[in-house]
């Protein structure tokens, strides 16, 4: 394998990993829409039910989507970091092999809760879940005034 073949192999590896990261990120937003729809659908369903099943559903409606979304995002975040690290390492090896002079951009892995996408998705999931909880609770107060 000559130098050009090695360079091309490194660059293909970098492109492959960045493409995986980008596809996973796009898919993650679609899954987030599902997590955001869950509390809305739950509020619509449980808001019209008899009170006794509503009481059993209050906490799961509020906290299950949040817990599942945190679990989903932690795993996606970890895989994204692996793909980005692999892509950057392959790119750096290709540049070093080609003896290209470039200023290596600084790459610092973020902590899970420092990532803006994680913060945004969890904030929306939390607000919608708590909104559904409040909606169902208000419906209970209508049925059973204090």
Protein backbone atom coordinates (compact mmCIF):
# COMPACT_ATOMS: atom_id res chain seq x y z
CA UNK A 1 0.00 0.00 0.00
CA UNK A 2 1.58 3.25 -1.07
CA UNK A 3 1.25 6.65 0.58
CA UNK A 4 -1.65 7.79 -1.61
CA UNK A 5 -3.64 4.64 -0.85
CA UNK A 6 -3.06 5.11 2.87
CA UNK A 7 -4.10 8.75 2.64
CA UNK A 8 -7.27 7.80 0.75
CA UNK A 9 -8.05 5.04 3.27
CA UNK A 10 -7.68 7.44 6.20
CA UNK A 11 -9.89 10.03 4.54
CA UNK A 12 -12.55 7.44 3.69
CA UNK A 13 -12.50 6.33 7.32
CA UNK A 14 -12.94 9.94 8.46
CA UNK A 15 -15.82 10.48 6.01
CA UNK A 16 -17.48 7.21 7.05
CA UNK A 17 -17.44 8.08 10.74
CA UNK A 18 -18.64 11.65 10.25
CA UNK A 19 -21.45 10.35 8.04
CA UNK A 20 -22.48 7.86 10.77
CA UNK A 21 -22.45 10.67 13.33
CA UNK A 22 -24.54 12.91 11.09
CA UNK A 23 -27.10 10.17 10.31
CA UNK A 24 -27.42 9.25 13.98
CA UNK A 25 -27.91 12.89 14.90
CA UNK A 26 -30.73 13.23 12.35
CA UNK A 27 -32.37 10.05 13.59
CA UNK A 28 -32.03 11.20 17.19
CA UNK A 29 -34.15 14.28 16.49
CA UNK A 30 -36.90 12.07 15.02
CA UNK A 31 -36.86 9.95 18.18
CA UNK A 32 -37.01 13.16 20.25
CA UNK A 33 -40.26 14.07 18.47
CA UNK A 34 -41.66 10.75 19.67
CA UNK A 35 -40.62 11.48 23.23
CA UNK A 36 -42.24 14.90 22.94
CA UNK A 37 -45.47 13.46 21.59
CA UNK A 38 -45.82 10.92 24.38
CA UNK A 39 -46.86 13.35 27.16
CA UNK A 40 -49.22 15.16 24.80
CA UNK A 41 -50.96 11.94 23.81
CA UNK A 42 -51.01 10.77 27.44
CA UNK A 43 -52.66 14.03 28.54
CA UNK A 44 -55.25 13.71 25.79
CA UNK A 45 -56.03 10.10 26.73
CA UNK A 46 -55.90 10.36 30.51
CA UNK A 47 -57.51 13.79 30.64
CA UNK A 48 -60.83 12.27 29.60
CA UNK A 49 -60.73 9.15 31.79
CA UNK A 50 -62.36 8.34 35.08
CA UNK A 51 -60.37 9.61 38.06
CA UNK A 52 -59.15 6.33 39.59
CA UNK A 53 -56.96 5.25 36.63
CA UNK A 54 -55.74 8.83 36.27
CA UNK A 55 -54.19 8.75 39.74
CA UNK A 56 -52.20 5.63 38.80
CA UNK A 57 -50.95 7.32 35.62
CA UNK A 58 -49.80 10.65 37.02
CA UNK A 59 -46.20 9.83 37.85
CA UNK A 60 -45.44 7.58 34.85
CA UNK A 61 -46.87 10.22 32.51
CA UNK A 62 -44.52 12.82 33.94
CA UNK A 63 -41.32 10.92 34.58
CA UNK A 64 -41.18 7.91 32.26
CA UNK A 65 -40.61 9.96 29.07
CA UNK A 66 -37.90 11.98 30.83
CA UNK A 67 -36.08 8.89 32.13
CA UNK A 68 -36.29 7.10 28.78
CA UNK A 69 -35.11 10.18 26.93
CA UNK A 70 -32.08 10.56 29.22
CA UNK A 71 -31.23 6.88 28.63
CA UNK A 72 -31.59 7.29 24.85
CA UNK A 73 -29.55 10.51 24.71
CA UNK A 74 -26.71 9.15 26.88
CA UNK A 75 -26.22 6.22 24.50
CA UNK A 76 -26.50 8.34 21.35
CA UNK A 77 -24.12 10.90 22.84
CA UNK A 78 -21.51 8.23 23.63
CA UNK A 79 -21.68 6.74 20.13
CA UNK A 80 -21.48 10.19 18.55
CA UNK A 81 -18.34 10.95 20.54
CA UNK A 82 -16.75 7.68 19.39
CA UNK A 83 -17.51 8.44 15.76
CA UNK A 84 -16.25 12.01 15.96
CA UNK A 85 -13.03 10.95 17.73
CA UNK A 86 -12.38 8.23 15.16
CA UNK A 87 -13.06 10.59 12.27
CA UNK A 88 -10.77 13.30 13.64
CA UNK A 89 -8.00 10.80 14.36
CA UNK A 90 -8.22 9.41 10.80
CA UNK A 91 -8.18 12.91 9.35
CA UNK A 92 -5.16 13.84 11.43
CA UNK A 93 -3.32 10.68 10.33
CA UNK A 94 -4.08 11.44 6.68
CA UNK A 95 -2.83 15.01 7.03
CA UNK A 96 0.31 13.83 8.83
CA UNK A 97 0.93 11.21 6.14
CA UNK A 98 0.57 13.81 3.39
CA UNK A 99 2.80 16.20 5.37
CA UNK A 100 0.15 18.89 5.04
CA UNK A 101 0.71 21.96 7.14
CA UNK A 102 -2.49 22.90 8.87
CA UNK A 103 -3.49 24.32 12.15
CA UNK A 104 -5.12 21.47 13.95
CA UNK A 105 -8.53 22.61 15.19
CA UNK A 106 -9.03 22.13 18.87
CA UNK A 107 -11.46 19.36 19.67
CA UNK A 108 -12.63 18.96 23.23
CA UNK A 109 -15.18 16.33 24.13
CA UNK A 110 -18.10 17.88 25.93
CA UNK A 111 -19.68 16.45 29.01
CA UNK A 112 -23.16 15.05 28.47
CA UNK A 113 -25.07 17.93 30.07
CA UNK A 114 -22.86 20.59 28.44
CA UNK A 115 -24.08 19.66 24.96
CA UNK A 116 -26.66 22.15 23.64
CA UNK A 117 -28.71 19.47 21.84
CA UNK A 118 -28.96 17.37 24.99
CA UNK A 119 -29.95 20.41 27.04
CA UNK A 120 -32.60 21.47 24.54
CA UNK A 121 -34.13 18.02 24.05
CA UNK A 122 -34.29 17.27 27.77
CA UNK A 123 -35.73 20.71 28.54
CA UNK A 124 -38.53 20.23 26.00
CA UNK A 125 -39.24 16.68 27.22
CA UNK A 126 -39.34 17.89 30.83
CA UNK A 127 -41.60 20.85 30.08
CA UNK A 128 -44.03 18.75 28.05
CA UNK A 129 -44.10 16.01 30.68
CA UNK A 130 -44.72 18.45 33.49
CA UNK A 131 -47.34 20.23 31.37
CA UNK A 132 -49.13 16.91 30.86
CA UNK A 133 -48.95 16.24 34.60
CA UNK A 134 -50.45 19.65 35.37
CA UNK A 135 -53.15 19.18 32.73
CA UNK A 136 -54.18 15.82 34.17
CA UNK A 137 -54.07 17.18 37.72
CA UNK A 138 -56.27 20.12 36.72
CA UNK A 139 -58.70 17.67 35.14
CA UNK A 140 -58.82 15.80 38.46
CA UNK A 141 -59.61 19.03 40.27
CA UNK A 142 -62.50 19.66 37.86
CA UNK A 143 -63.91 16.21 38.61
CA UNK A 144 -63.29 16.39 42.34
CA UNK A 145 -63.30 20.01 43.52
CA UNK A 146 -61.69 20.58 46.87
